[in-house]
């Protein structure tokens, strides 16, 4: 039996794009012969799936699952919306979510090696769907949140939101708490912000924003003769606008813009006779930041006509 090194496995993976364990098993079956190992992978259909690796998968969906005290959110990408709507694809997403909750992996790479409830690895399950659906599929990211949460999926998987709360028994047991929590999740889906409260904004970000505001005022002739005290007041006022744009609790509440989200939370806590605090807000937008391929239809048609 040939001695299969990690370097050999890595090289076969580089050539085929298949999983590490699949490459190792193929090399073992082929007694270390690379050509035979590639043949083994091709016979299993894995190499065919790997050929799709250079395609762009920017569609797909975001989904959320809660089991007990644990909530997971995942983004799995496909090439087309058609596949994203397929029930088999959606079943894969649920399987992945259940595996995330059960195994609590730290990275996507670790997740790919986890065993699903069906006995396959996540990597094998994804590869199988690639073969049957004929598109590149990829698990892009996931997160796990433990504790009291509210979740919301918008646009058939276009956006996912998880809001984490701290609330005492009086608040969380109130019949109105569920609707309140859902409203906060809807707010976060409607308006994306990088921070929950103004206290969450790093000091370095605030200092950078102040520097920008100072540069803007230095370039404004109307500010030339203003005393420093007045300039400081203007900066404080403009920082307020910055907080409104970047902090969830500082935003105008979408269902009643006479309130901020912070005031809405406080009003509900008072109504429920308890204490409530938003301690986390997490949002995934499907395909966010992925460079989508822009096909030139005219060029494609010309190519087809000209053979």
C-alpha atoms as a PDB file:
ATOM      1  CA  UNK A   1       0.000   0.000   0.000  1.00  0.00           C
ATOM      2  CA  UNK A   2       1.373   3.418  -0.999  1.00  0.00           C
ATOM      3  CA  UNK A   3       2.243   5.973   1.648  1.00  0.00           C
ATOM      4  CA  UNK A   4      -0.254   8.831   1.101  1.00  0.00           C
ATOM      5  CA  UNK A   5       1.145  12.137   2.339  1.00  0.00           C
ATOM      6  CA  UNK A   6      -0.758  15.280   3.235  1.00  0.00           C
ATOM      7  CA  UNK A   7       1.106  16.973   0.374  1.00  0.00           C
ATOM      8  CA  UNK A   8      -0.288  14.418  -2.084  1.00  0.00           C
ATOM      9  CA  UNK A   9      -3.814  14.940  -0.815  1.00  0.00           C
ATOM     10  CA  UNK A  10      -3.440  18.718  -1.061  1.00  0.00           C
ATOM     11  CA  UNK A  11      -2.120  18.470  -4.620  1.00  0.00           C
ATOM     12  CA  UNK A  12      -5.015  16.258  -5.740  1.00  0.00           C
ATOM     13  CA  UNK A  13      -7.439  18.659  -4.116  1.00  0.00           C
ATOM     14  CA  UNK A  14      -5.778  21.539  -5.993  1.00  0.00           C
ATOM     15  CA  UNK A  15      -6.153  19.706  -9.282  1.00  0.00           C
ATOM     16  CA  UNK A  16      -9.750  18.563  -8.806  1.00  0.00           C
ATOM     17  CA  UNK A  17     -11.349  20.914  -6.292  1.00  0.00           C
ATOM     18  CA  UNK A  18     -12.766  17.921  -4.392  1.00  0.00           C
ATOM     19  CA  UNK A  19     -12.834  17.571  -0.612  1.00  0.00           C
ATOM     20  CA  UNK A  20      -9.762  16.575   1.391  1.00  0.00           C
ATOM     21  CA  UNK A  21     -11.214  13.270   2.624  1.00  0.00           C
ATOM     22  CA  UNK A  22     -12.522  12.421  -0.844  1.00  0.00           C
ATOM     23  CA  UNK A  23      -9.057  13.047  -2.300  1.00  0.00           C
ATOM     24  CA  UNK A  24      -7.381  10.962   0.391  1.00  0.00           C
ATOM     25  CA  UNK A  25      -9.786   8.061  -0.139  1.00  0.00           C
ATOM     26  CA  UNK A  26      -9.288   8.253  -3.914  1.00  0.00           C
ATOM     27  CA  UNK A  27      -5.496   8.144  -3.540  1.00  0.00           C
ATOM     28  CA  UNK A  28      -5.767   5.165  -1.202  1.00  0.00           C
ATOM     29  CA  UNK A  29      -8.037   3.377  -3.682  1.00  0.00           C
ATOM     30  CA  UNK A  30      -5.618   4.199  -6.513  1.00  0.00           C
ATOM     31  CA  UNK A  31      -2.569   3.139  -4.474  1.00  0.00           C
ATOM     32  CA  UNK A  32      -1.114   6.639  -4.766  1.00  0.00           C
ATOM     33  CA  UNK A  33      -1.454   6.968  -8.541  1.00  0.00           C
ATOM     34  CA  UNK A  34      -2.688  10.485  -9.325  1.00  0.00           C
ATOM     35  CA  UNK A  35      -4.230   9.679 -12.707  1.00  0.00           C
ATOM     36  CA  UNK A  36      -6.096   6.718 -11.255  1.00  0.00           C
ATOM     37  CA  UNK A  37      -7.208   8.817  -8.279  1.00  0.00           C
ATOM     38  CA  UNK A  38      -8.656  11.446 -10.621  1.00  0.00           C
ATOM     39  CA  UNK A  39     -10.413   8.655 -12.478  1.00  0.00           C
ATOM     40  CA  UNK A  40     -11.890   7.404  -9.204  1.00  0.00           C
ATOM     41  CA  UNK A  41     -13.196  10.888  -8.415  1.00  0.00           C
ATOM     42  CA  UNK A  42     -14.614  11.278 -11.902  1.00  0.00           C
ATOM     43  CA  UNK A  43     -16.375   7.927 -11.651  1.00  0.00           C
ATOM     44  CA  UNK A  44     -17.993   9.112  -8.435  1.00  0.00           C
ATOM     45  CA  UNK A  45     -19.006  12.329 -10.153  1.00  0.00           C
ATOM     46  CA  UNK A  46     -16.992  14.483  -7.762  1.00  0.00           C
ATOM     47  CA  UNK A  47     -14.645  15.895 -10.368  1.00  0.00           C
ATOM     48  CA  UNK A  48     -17.631  16.901 -12.464  1.00  0.00           C
ATOM     49  CA  UNK A  49     -18.939  18.887  -9.526  1.00  0.00           C
ATOM     50  CA  UNK A  50     -15.522  20.443  -9.011  1.00  0.00           C
ATOM     51  CA  UNK A  51     -15.526  21.781 -12.571  1.00  0.00           C
ATOM     52  CA  UNK A  52     -18.251  24.186 -11.494  1.00  0.00           C
ATOM     53  CA  UNK A  53     -15.984  25.713  -8.841  1.00  0.00           C
ATOM     54  CA  UNK A  54     -14.937  28.681 -11.014  1.00  0.00           C
ATOM     55  CA  UNK A  55     -18.520  29.733 -11.664  1.00  0.00           C
ATOM     56  CA  UNK A  56     -20.062  32.644  -9.783  1.00  0.00           C
ATOM     57  CA  UNK A  57     -22.699  31.729  -7.194  1.00  0.00           C
ATOM     58  CA  UNK A  58     -24.303  34.982  -6.070  1.00  0.00           C
ATOM     59  CA  UNK A  59     -27.918  33.895  -5.709  1.00  0.00           C
ATOM     60  CA  UNK A  60     -29.253  31.360  -3.211  1.00  0.00           C
ATOM     61  CA  UNK A  61     -30.843  32.234   0.095  1.00  0.00           C
ATOM     62  CA  UNK A  62     -30.415  33.178   3.734  1.00  0.00           C
ATOM     63  CA  UNK A  63     -32.253  31.001   6.248  1.00  0.00           C
ATOM     64  CA  UNK A  64     -32.608  30.814  10.030  1.00  0.00           C
ATOM     65  CA  UNK A  65     -33.436  27.945  12.377  1.00  0.00           C
ATOM     66  CA  UNK A  66     -33.997  27.926  16.143  1.00  0.00           C
ATOM     67  CA  UNK A  67     -33.832  24.786  18.241  1.00  0.00           C
ATOM     68  CA  UNK A  68     -34.192  25.240  21.980  1.00  0.00           C
ATOM     69  CA  UNK A  69     -31.943  28.061  23.117  1.00  0.00           C
ATOM     70  CA  UNK A  70     -29.781  28.073  19.981  1.00  0.00           C
ATOM     71  CA  UNK A  71     -30.409  29.962  16.738  1.00  0.00           C
ATOM     72  CA  UNK A  72     -28.356  29.636  13.562  1.00  0.00           C
ATOM     73  CA  UNK A  73     -28.349  31.715  10.385  1.00  0.00           C
ATOM     74  CA  UNK A  74     -26.669  30.608   7.163  1.00  0.00           C
ATOM     75  CA  UNK A  75     -26.174  31.937   3.642  1.00  0.00           C
ATOM     76  CA  UNK A  76     -25.876  29.281   0.953  1.00  0.00           C
ATOM     77  CA  UNK A  77     -25.317  30.503  -2.578  1.00  0.00           C
ATOM     78  CA  UNK A  78     -26.404  29.109  -5.917  1.00  0.00           C
ATOM     79  CA  UNK A  79     -25.939  30.421  -9.436  1.00  0.00           C
ATOM     80  CA  UNK A  80     -29.616  31.060 -10.152  1.00  0.00           C
ATOM     81  CA  UNK A  81     -32.821  31.972  -8.398  1.00  0.00           C
ATOM     82  CA  UNK A  82     -34.421  28.918 -10.019  1.00  0.00           C
ATOM     83  CA  UNK A  83     -32.256  26.550  -7.970  1.00  0.00           C
ATOM     84  CA  UNK A  84     -32.671  28.682  -4.843  1.00  0.00           C
ATOM     85  CA  UNK A  85     -36.426  28.051  -5.022  1.00  0.00           C
ATOM     86  CA  UNK A  86     -35.994  24.303  -5.461  1.00  0.00           C
ATOM     87  CA  UNK A  87     -37.343  22.259  -2.533  1.00  0.00           C
ATOM     88  CA  UNK A  88     -34.345  19.937  -2.632  1.00  0.00           C
ATOM     89  CA  UNK A  89     -32.003  22.918  -2.282  1.00  0.00           C
ATOM     90  CA  UNK A  90     -34.076  24.253   0.615  1.00  0.00           C
ATOM     91  CA  UNK A  91     -33.915  20.837   2.270  1.00  0.00           C
ATOM     92  CA  UNK A  92     -30.113  21.033   2.041  1.00  0.00           C
ATOM     93  CA  UNK A  93     -30.188  24.429   3.741  1.00  0.00           C
ATOM     94  CA  UNK A  94     -32.260  23.042   6.637  1.00  0.00           C
ATOM     95  CA  UNK A  95     -29.897  20.068   6.952  1.00  0.00           C
ATOM     96  CA  UNK A  96     -26.931  22.431   7.147  1.00  0.00           C
ATOM     97  CA  UNK A  97     -28.668  24.586   9.770  1.00  0.00           C
ATOM     98  CA  UNK A  98     -29.458  21.551  11.923  1.00  0.00           C
ATOM     99  CA  UNK A  99     -25.833  20.461  11.668  1.00  0.00           C
ATOM    100  CA  UNK A 100     -24.601  23.918  12.673  1.00  0.00           C
ATOM    101  CA  UNK A 101     -26.812  23.874  15.770  1.00  0.00           C
ATOM    102  CA  UNK A 102     -25.865  20.298  16.693  1.00  0.00           C
ATOM    103  CA  UNK A 103     -22.105  20.542  16.095  1.00  0.00           C
ATOM    104  CA  UNK A 104     -21.438  24.283  16.629  1.00  0.00           C
ATOM    105  CA  UNK A 105     -18.479  24.502  14.199  1.00  0.00           C
ATOM    106  CA  UNK A 106     -16.283  27.599  14.331  1.00  0.00           C
ATOM    107  CA  UNK A 107     -15.667  28.031  10.597  1.00  0.00           C
ATOM    108  CA  UNK A 108     -17.153  27.069   7.248  1.00  0.00           C
ATOM    109  CA  UNK A 109     -14.170  24.742   6.711  1.00  0.00           C
ATOM    110  CA  UNK A 110     -14.927  22.986   9.986  1.00  0.00           C
ATOM    111  CA  UNK A 111     -18.626  22.828   9.110  1.00  0.00           C
ATOM    112  CA  UNK A 112     -17.867  21.066   5.803  1.00  0.00           C
ATOM    113  CA  UNK A 113     -16.340  18.171   7.730  1.00  0.00           C
ATOM    114  CA  UNK A 114     -19.249  17.820  10.165  1.00  0.00           C
ATOM    115  CA  UNK A 115     -21.564  14.831   9.867  1.00  0.00           C
ATOM    116  CA  UNK A 116     -25.221  15.567   9.146  1.00  0.00           C
ATOM    117  CA  UNK A 117     -28.205  13.757  10.627  1.00  0.00           C
ATOM    118  CA  UNK A 118     -28.237  11.662   7.427  1.00  0.00           C
ATOM    119  CA  UNK A 119     -24.740  10.328   8.104  1.00  0.00           C
ATOM    120  CA  UNK A 120     -22.974  12.211   5.289  1.00  0.00           C
ATOM    121  CA  UNK A 121     -20.540  15.059   5.750  1.00  0.00           C
ATOM    122  CA  UNK A 122     -21.843  18.503   4.893  1.00  0.00           C
ATOM    123  CA  UNK A 123     -19.269  18.618   2.091  1.00  0.00           C
ATOM    124  CA  UNK A 124     -20.618  15.386   0.606  1.00  0.00           C
ATOM    125  CA  UNK A 125     -24.195  16.643   0.881  1.00  0.00           C
ATOM    126  CA  UNK A 126     -23.300  19.845  -0.977  1.00  0.00           C
ATOM    127  CA  UNK A 127     -21.385  17.924  -3.656  1.00  0.00           C
ATOM    128  CA  UNK A 128     -24.376  15.638  -4.203  1.00  0.00           C
ATOM    129  CA  UNK A 129     -26.657  18.640  -4.769  1.00  0.00           C
ATOM    130  CA  UNK A 130     -24.148  20.175  -7.182  1.00  0.00           C
ATOM    131  CA  UNK A 131     -24.288  17.008  -9.246  1.00  0.00           C
ATOM    132  CA  UNK A 132     -28.074  16.725  -9.276  1.00  0.00           C
ATOM    133  CA  UNK A 133     -28.763  20.429  -9.831  1.00  0.00           C
ATOM    134  CA  UNK A 134     -25.954  21.229 -12.236  1.00  0.00           C
ATOM    135  CA  UNK A 135     -24.957  24.463 -10.535  1.00  0.00           C
ATOM    136  CA  UNK A 136     -22.199  25.645  -8.262  1.00  0.00           C
ATOM    137  CA  UNK A 137     -23.385  25.766  -4.650  1.00  0.00           C
ATOM    138  CA  UNK A 138     -21.390  27.156  -1.768  1.00  0.00           C
ATOM    139  CA  UNK A 139     -21.858  27.739   1.941  1.00  0.00           C
ATOM    140  CA  UNK A 140     -20.684  31.294   2.321  1.00  0.00           C
ATOM    141  CA  UNK A 141     -21.128  32.079   6.024  1.00  0.00           C
ATOM    142  CA  UNK A 142     -23.068  31.241   9.152  1.00  0.00           C
ATOM    143  CA  UNK A 143     -23.435  32.376  12.732  1.00  0.00           C
ATOM    144  CA  UNK A 144     -24.785  30.963  15.984  1.00  0.00           C
ATOM    145  CA  UNK A 145     -26.654  32.980  18.619  1.00  0.00           C
ATOM    146  CA  UNK A 146     -27.641  31.564  21.996  1.00  0.00           C
ATOM    147  CA  UNK A 147     -30.311  33.065  24.205  1.00  0.00           C
ATOM    148  CA  UNK A 148     -33.543  35.033  23.781  1.00  0.00           C
ATOM    149  CA  UNK A 149     -33.962  36.087  20.149  1.00  0.00           C
ATOM    150  CA  UNK A 150     -36.379  37.291  17.521  1.00  0.00           C
ATOM    151  CA  UNK A 151     -35.803  36.359  13.878  1.00  0.00           C
ATOM    152  CA  UNK A 152     -37.071  37.521  10.511  1.00  0.00           C
ATOM    153  CA  UNK A 153     -36.556  36.379   6.926  1.00  0.00           C
ATOM    154  CA  UNK A 154     -37.446  38.894   4.214  1.00  0.00           C
ATOM    155  CA  UNK A 155     -38.031  38.412   0.497  1.00  0.00           C
ATOM    156  CA  UNK A 156     -37.997  34.614   0.350  1.00  0.00           C
ATOM    157  CA  UNK A 157     -34.487  34.415   1.768  1.00  0.00           C
ATOM    158  CA  UNK A 158     -33.047  37.708   0.510  1.00  0.00           C
ATOM    159  CA  UNK A 159     -32.360  39.063   4.001  1.00  0.00           C
ATOM    160  CA  UNK A 160     -32.117  37.402   7.395  1.00  0.00           C
ATOM    161  CA  UNK A 161     -32.124  39.115  10.782  1.00  0.00           C
ATOM    162  CA  UNK A 162     -31.520  37.886  14.322  1.00  0.00           C
ATOM    163  CA  UNK A 163     -32.063  40.224  17.283  1.00  0.00           C
ATOM    164  CA  UNK A 164     -30.801  39.110  20.696  1.00  0.00           C
ATOM    165  CA  UNK A 165     -32.459  40.431  23.842  1.00  0.00           C
ATOM    166  CA  UNK A 166     -31.913  40.422  27.562  1.00  0.00           C
ATOM    167  CA  UNK A 167     -35.265  40.533  29.346  1.00  0.00           C
ATOM    168  CA  UNK A 168     -36.517  39.643  32.809  1.00  0.00           C
ATOM    169  CA  UNK A 169     -39.343  37.176  33.409  1.00  0.00           C
ATOM    170  CA  UNK A 170     -41.996  39.900  33.653  1.00  0.00           C
ATOM    171  CA  UNK A 171     -41.157  41.201  30.174  1.00  0.00           C
ATOM    172  CA  UNK A 172     -40.533  37.955  28.323  1.00  0.00           C
ATOM    173  CA  UNK A 173     -43.653  36.277  29.713  1.00  0.00           C
ATOM    174  CA  UNK A 174     -45.893  39.175  28.680  1.00  0.00           C
ATOM    175  CA  UNK A 175     -48.236  38.275  25.767  1.00  0.00           C
ATOM    176  CA  UNK A 176     -47.083  41.381  23.904  1.00  0.00           C
ATOM    177  CA  UNK A 177     -43.372  40.523  23.992  1.00  0.00           C
ATOM    178  CA  UNK A 178     -43.403  38.361  20.847  1.00  0.00           C
ATOM    179  CA  UNK A 179     -44.928  41.117  18.718  1.00  0.00           C
ATOM    180  CA  UNK A 180     -42.553  43.683  20.212  1.00  0.00           C
ATOM    181  CA  UNK A 181     -39.528  41.493  19.438  1.00  0.00           C
ATOM    182  CA  UNK A 182     -40.745  40.881  15.889  1.00  0.00           C
ATOM    183  CA  UNK A 183     -41.122  44.638  15.362  1.00  0.00           C
ATOM    184  CA  UNK A 184     -37.491  45.194  16.308  1.00  0.00           C
ATOM    185  CA  UNK A 185     -36.415  42.474  13.866  1.00  0.00           C
ATOM    186  CA  UNK A 186     -38.504  44.138  11.136  1.00  0.00           C
ATOM    187  CA  UNK A 187     -36.781  47.439  11.923  1.00  0.00           C
ATOM    188  CA  UNK A 188     -33.344  45.854  11.495  1.00  0.00           C
ATOM    189  CA  UNK A 189     -34.446  44.285   8.203  1.00  0.00           C
ATOM    190  CA  UNK A 190     -35.725  47.613   6.892  1.00  0.00           C
ATOM    191  CA  UNK A 191     -32.633  49.626   7.857  1.00  0.00           C
ATOM    192  CA  UNK A 192     -29.197  48.069   8.080  1.00  0.00           C
ATOM    193  CA  UNK A 193     -26.857  49.456  10.747  1.00  0.00           C
ATOM    194  CA  UNK A 194     -23.385  48.317  11.840  1.00  0.00           C
ATOM    195  CA  UNK A 195     -24.007  48.978  15.551  1.00  0.00           C
ATOM    196  CA  UNK A 196     -26.788  48.405  18.090  1.00  0.00           C
ATOM    197  CA  UNK A 197     -26.218  51.393  20.402  1.00  0.00           C
ATOM    198  CA  UNK A 198     -23.979  54.462  20.334  1.00  0.00           C
ATOM    199  CA  UNK A 199     -21.908  52.841  23.091  1.00  0.00           C
ATOM    200  CA  UNK A 200     -21.027  50.062  20.627  1.00  0.00           C
ATOM    201  CA  UNK A 201     -19.334  52.467  18.212  1.00  0.00           C
ATOM    202  CA  UNK A 202     -15.523  52.188  18.658  1.00  0.00           C
ATOM    203  CA  UNK A 203     -13.760  55.328  19.873  1.00  0.00           C
ATOM    204  CA  UNK A 204     -11.518  55.195  16.799  1.00  0.00           C
ATOM    205  CA  UNK A 205     -14.579  55.432  14.521  1.00  0.00           C
ATOM    206  CA  UNK A 206     -15.872  58.460  16.421  1.00  0.00           C
ATOM    207  CA  UNK A 207     -12.483  60.179  16.259  1.00  0.00           C
ATOM    208  CA  UNK A 208     -12.323  59.559  12.517  1.00  0.00           C
ATOM    209  CA  UNK A 209     -15.828  60.974  12.078  1.00  0.00           C
ATOM    210  CA  UNK A 210     -14.903  64.065  14.126  1.00  0.00           C
ATOM    211  CA  UNK A 211     -11.814  64.594  11.954  1.00  0.00           C
ATOM    212  CA  UNK A 212     -13.949  64.431   8.816  1.00  0.00           C
ATOM    213  CA  UNK A 213     -16.426  66.928  10.256  1.00  0.00           C
ATOM    214  CA  UNK A 214     -13.593  69.307  11.200  1.00  0.00           C
ATOM    215  CA  UNK A 215     -12.192  69.131   7.666  1.00  0.00           C
ATOM    216  CA  UNK A 216     -15.632  69.903   6.273  1.00  0.00           C
ATOM    217  CA  UNK A 217     -15.977  72.962   8.516  1.00  0.00           C
ATOM    218  CA  UNK A 218     -12.464  74.180   7.715  1.00  0.00           C
ATOM    219  CA  UNK A 219     -13.427  74.147   4.047  1.00  0.00           C
ATOM    220  CA  UNK A 220     -16.643  76.088   4.711  1.00  0.00           C
ATOM    221  CA  UNK A 221     -16.127  79.887   4.622  1.00  0.00           C
ATOM    222  CA  UNK A 222     -19.209  80.355   6.803  1.00  0.00           C
ATOM    223  CA  UNK A 223     -17.417  78.580   9.637  1.00  0.00           C
ATOM    224  CA  UNK A 224     -14.212  80.641   9.443  1.00  0.00           C
ATOM    225  CA  UNK A 225     -14.985  83.056  12.284  1.00  0.00           C
ATOM    226  CA  UNK A 226     -17.014  80.736  14.494  1.00  0.00           C
ATOM    227  CA  UNK A 227     -15.654  80.348  18.051  1.00  0.00           C
ATOM    228  CA  UNK A 228     -14.435  76.867  19.033  1.00  0.00           C
ATOM    229  CA  UNK A 229     -17.334  76.422  21.445  1.00  0.00           C
ATOM    230  CA  UNK A 230     -19.787  76.856  18.583  1.00  0.00           C
ATOM    231  CA  UNK A 231     -17.799  74.475  16.350  1.00  0.00           C
ATOM    232  CA  UNK A 232     -17.787  71.869  19.123  1.00  0.00           C
ATOM    233  CA  UNK A 233     -21.561  72.200  19.399  1.00  0.00           C
ATOM    234  CA  UNK A 234     -21.956  71.714  15.648  1.00  0.00           C
ATOM    235  CA  UNK A 235     -19.801  68.581  15.779  1.00  0.00           C
ATOM    236  CA  UNK A 236     -21.914  67.142  18.599  1.00  0.00           C
ATOM    237  CA  UNK A 237     -25.043  67.834  16.582  1.00  0.00           C
ATOM    238  CA  UNK A 238     -23.652  66.198  13.459  1.00  0.00           C
ATOM    239  CA  UNK A 239     -22.440  63.210  15.454  1.00  0.00           C
ATOM    240  CA  UNK A 240     -26.054  62.771  16.494  1.00  0.00           C
ATOM    241  CA  UNK A 241     -26.926  62.335  12.829  1.00  0.00           C
ATOM    242  CA  UNK A 242     -24.097  59.819  12.523  1.00  0.00           C
ATOM    243  CA  UNK A 243     -25.518  57.778  15.403  1.00  0.00           C
ATOM    244  CA  UNK A 244     -28.988  57.893  13.853  1.00  0.00           C
ATOM    245  CA  UNK A 245     -27.637  56.467  10.616  1.00  0.00           C
ATOM    246  CA  UNK A 246     -25.403  53.820  12.182  1.00  0.00           C
ATOM    247  CA  UNK A 247     -27.025  52.633  15.422  1.00  0.00           C
ATOM    248  CA  UNK A 248     -30.205  50.551  15.577  1.00  0.00           C
ATOM    249  CA  UNK A 249     -31.495  52.054  18.819  1.00  0.00           C
ATOM    250  CA  UNK A 250     -30.928  55.627  17.610  1.00  0.00           C
ATOM    251  CA  UNK A 251     -33.082  55.218  14.493  1.00  0.00           C
ATOM    252  CA  UNK A 252     -36.619  56.508  14.150  1.00  0.00           C
ATOM    253  CA  UNK A 253     -38.931  53.581  14.871  1.00  0.00           C
ATOM    254  CA  UNK A 254     -40.374  52.494  11.530  1.00  0.00           C
ATOM    255  CA  UNK A 255     -43.960  52.117  12.785  1.00  0.00           C
ATOM    256  CA  UNK A 256     -43.991  55.406  14.726  1.00  0.00           C
ATOM    257  CA  UNK A 257     -41.320  57.908  13.746  1.00  0.00           C
ATOM    258  CA  UNK A 258     -42.106  60.065  16.781  1.00  0.00           C
ATOM    259  CA  UNK A 259     -40.129  57.443  18.715  1.00  0.00           C
ATOM    260  CA  UNK A 260     -36.595  56.160  18.396  1.00  0.00           C
ATOM    261  CA  UNK A 261     -36.110  52.406  18.672  1.00  0.00           C
ATOM    262  CA  UNK A 262     -34.591  52.965  22.121  1.00  0.00           C
ATOM    263  CA  UNK A 263     -37.724  54.814  23.245  1.00  0.00           C
ATOM    264  CA  UNK A 264     -39.927  52.085  21.750  1.00  0.00           C
ATOM    265  CA  UNK A 265     -38.018  49.472  23.755  1.00  0.00           C
ATOM    266  CA  UNK A 266     -38.340  51.552  26.925  1.00  0.00           C
ATOM    267  CA  UNK A 267     -42.079  52.094  26.357  1.00  0.00           C
ATOM    268  CA  UNK A 268     -42.709  48.384  25.870  1.00  0.00           C
ATOM    269  CA  UNK A 269     -40.628  47.456  28.918  1.00  0.00           C
ATOM    270  CA  UNK A 270     -42.705  49.868  31.002  1.00  0.00           C
ATOM    271  CA  UNK A 271     -45.949  48.479  29.547  1.00  0.00           C
ATOM    272  CA  UNK A 272     -44.839  44.909  30.283  1.00  0.00           C
ATOM    273  CA  UNK A 273     -43.709  45.815  33.789  1.00  0.00           C
ATOM    274  CA  UNK A 274     -40.195  44.545  33.226  1.00  0.00           C
ATOM    275  CA  UNK A 275     -36.753  45.235  31.784  1.00  0.00           C
ATOM    276  CA  UNK A 276     -35.643  44.752  28.155  1.00  0.00           C
ATOM    277  CA  UNK A 277     -32.345  45.393  26.420  1.00  0.00           C
ATOM    278  CA  UNK A 278     -31.215  44.768  22.833  1.00  0.00           C
ATOM    279  CA  UNK A 279     -27.770  43.174  23.115  1.00  0.00           C
ATOM    280  CA  UNK A 280     -27.151  41.981  19.560  1.00  0.00           C
ATOM    281  CA  UNK A 281     -28.319  42.531  16.002  1.00  0.00           C
ATOM    282  CA  UNK A 282     -27.170  40.298  13.141  1.00  0.00           C
ATOM    283  CA  UNK A 283     -28.098  40.645   9.484  1.00  0.00           C
ATOM    284  CA  UNK A 284     -27.196  38.785   6.304  1.00  0.00           C
ATOM    285  CA  UNK A 285     -28.100  40.101   2.849  1.00  0.00           C
ATOM    286  CA  UNK A 286     -27.972  37.414   0.159  1.00  0.00           C
ATOM    287  CA  UNK A 287     -25.051  37.898  -2.224  1.00  0.00           C
ATOM    288  CA  UNK A 288     -23.808  40.977  -0.370  1.00  0.00           C
ATOM    289  CA  UNK A 289     -20.358  41.902  -1.654  1.00  0.00           C
ATOM    290  CA  UNK A 290     -20.162  39.089  -4.206  1.00  0.00           C
ATOM    291  CA  UNK A 291     -18.993  40.247  -7.621  1.00  0.00           C
ATOM    292  CA  UNK A 292     -21.775  39.106  -9.940  1.00  0.00           C
ATOM    293  CA  UNK A 293     -20.981  38.164 -13.512  1.00  0.00           C
ATOM    294  CA  UNK A 294     -22.410  40.587 -16.067  1.00  0.00           C
ATOM    295  CA  UNK A 295     -23.076  38.670 -19.240  1.00  0.00           C
ATOM    296  CA  UNK A 296     -22.914  40.508 -22.572  1.00  0.00           C
ATOM    297  CA  UNK A 297     -26.054  39.144 -24.271  1.00  0.00           C
ATOM    298  CA  UNK A 298     -25.169  40.553 -27.689  1.00  0.00           C
ATOM    299  CA  UNK A 299     -21.707  38.962 -27.551  1.00  0.00           C
ATOM    300  CA  UNK A 300     -23.213  35.631 -26.475  1.00  0.00           C
ATOM    301  CA  UNK A 301     -25.715  35.662 -29.357  1.00  0.00           C
ATOM    302  CA  UNK A 302     -22.981  36.594 -31.844  1.00  0.00           C
ATOM    303  CA  UNK A 303     -20.834  33.754 -30.539  1.00  0.00           C
ATOM    304  CA  UNK A 304     -23.675  31.285 -31.013  1.00  0.00           C
ATOM    305  CA  UNK A 305     -24.466  32.532 -34.546  1.00  0.00           C
ATOM    306  CA  UNK A 306     -20.837  32.387 -35.612  1.00  0.00           C
ATOM    307  CA  UNK A 307     -20.351  28.939 -34.150  1.00  0.00           C
END
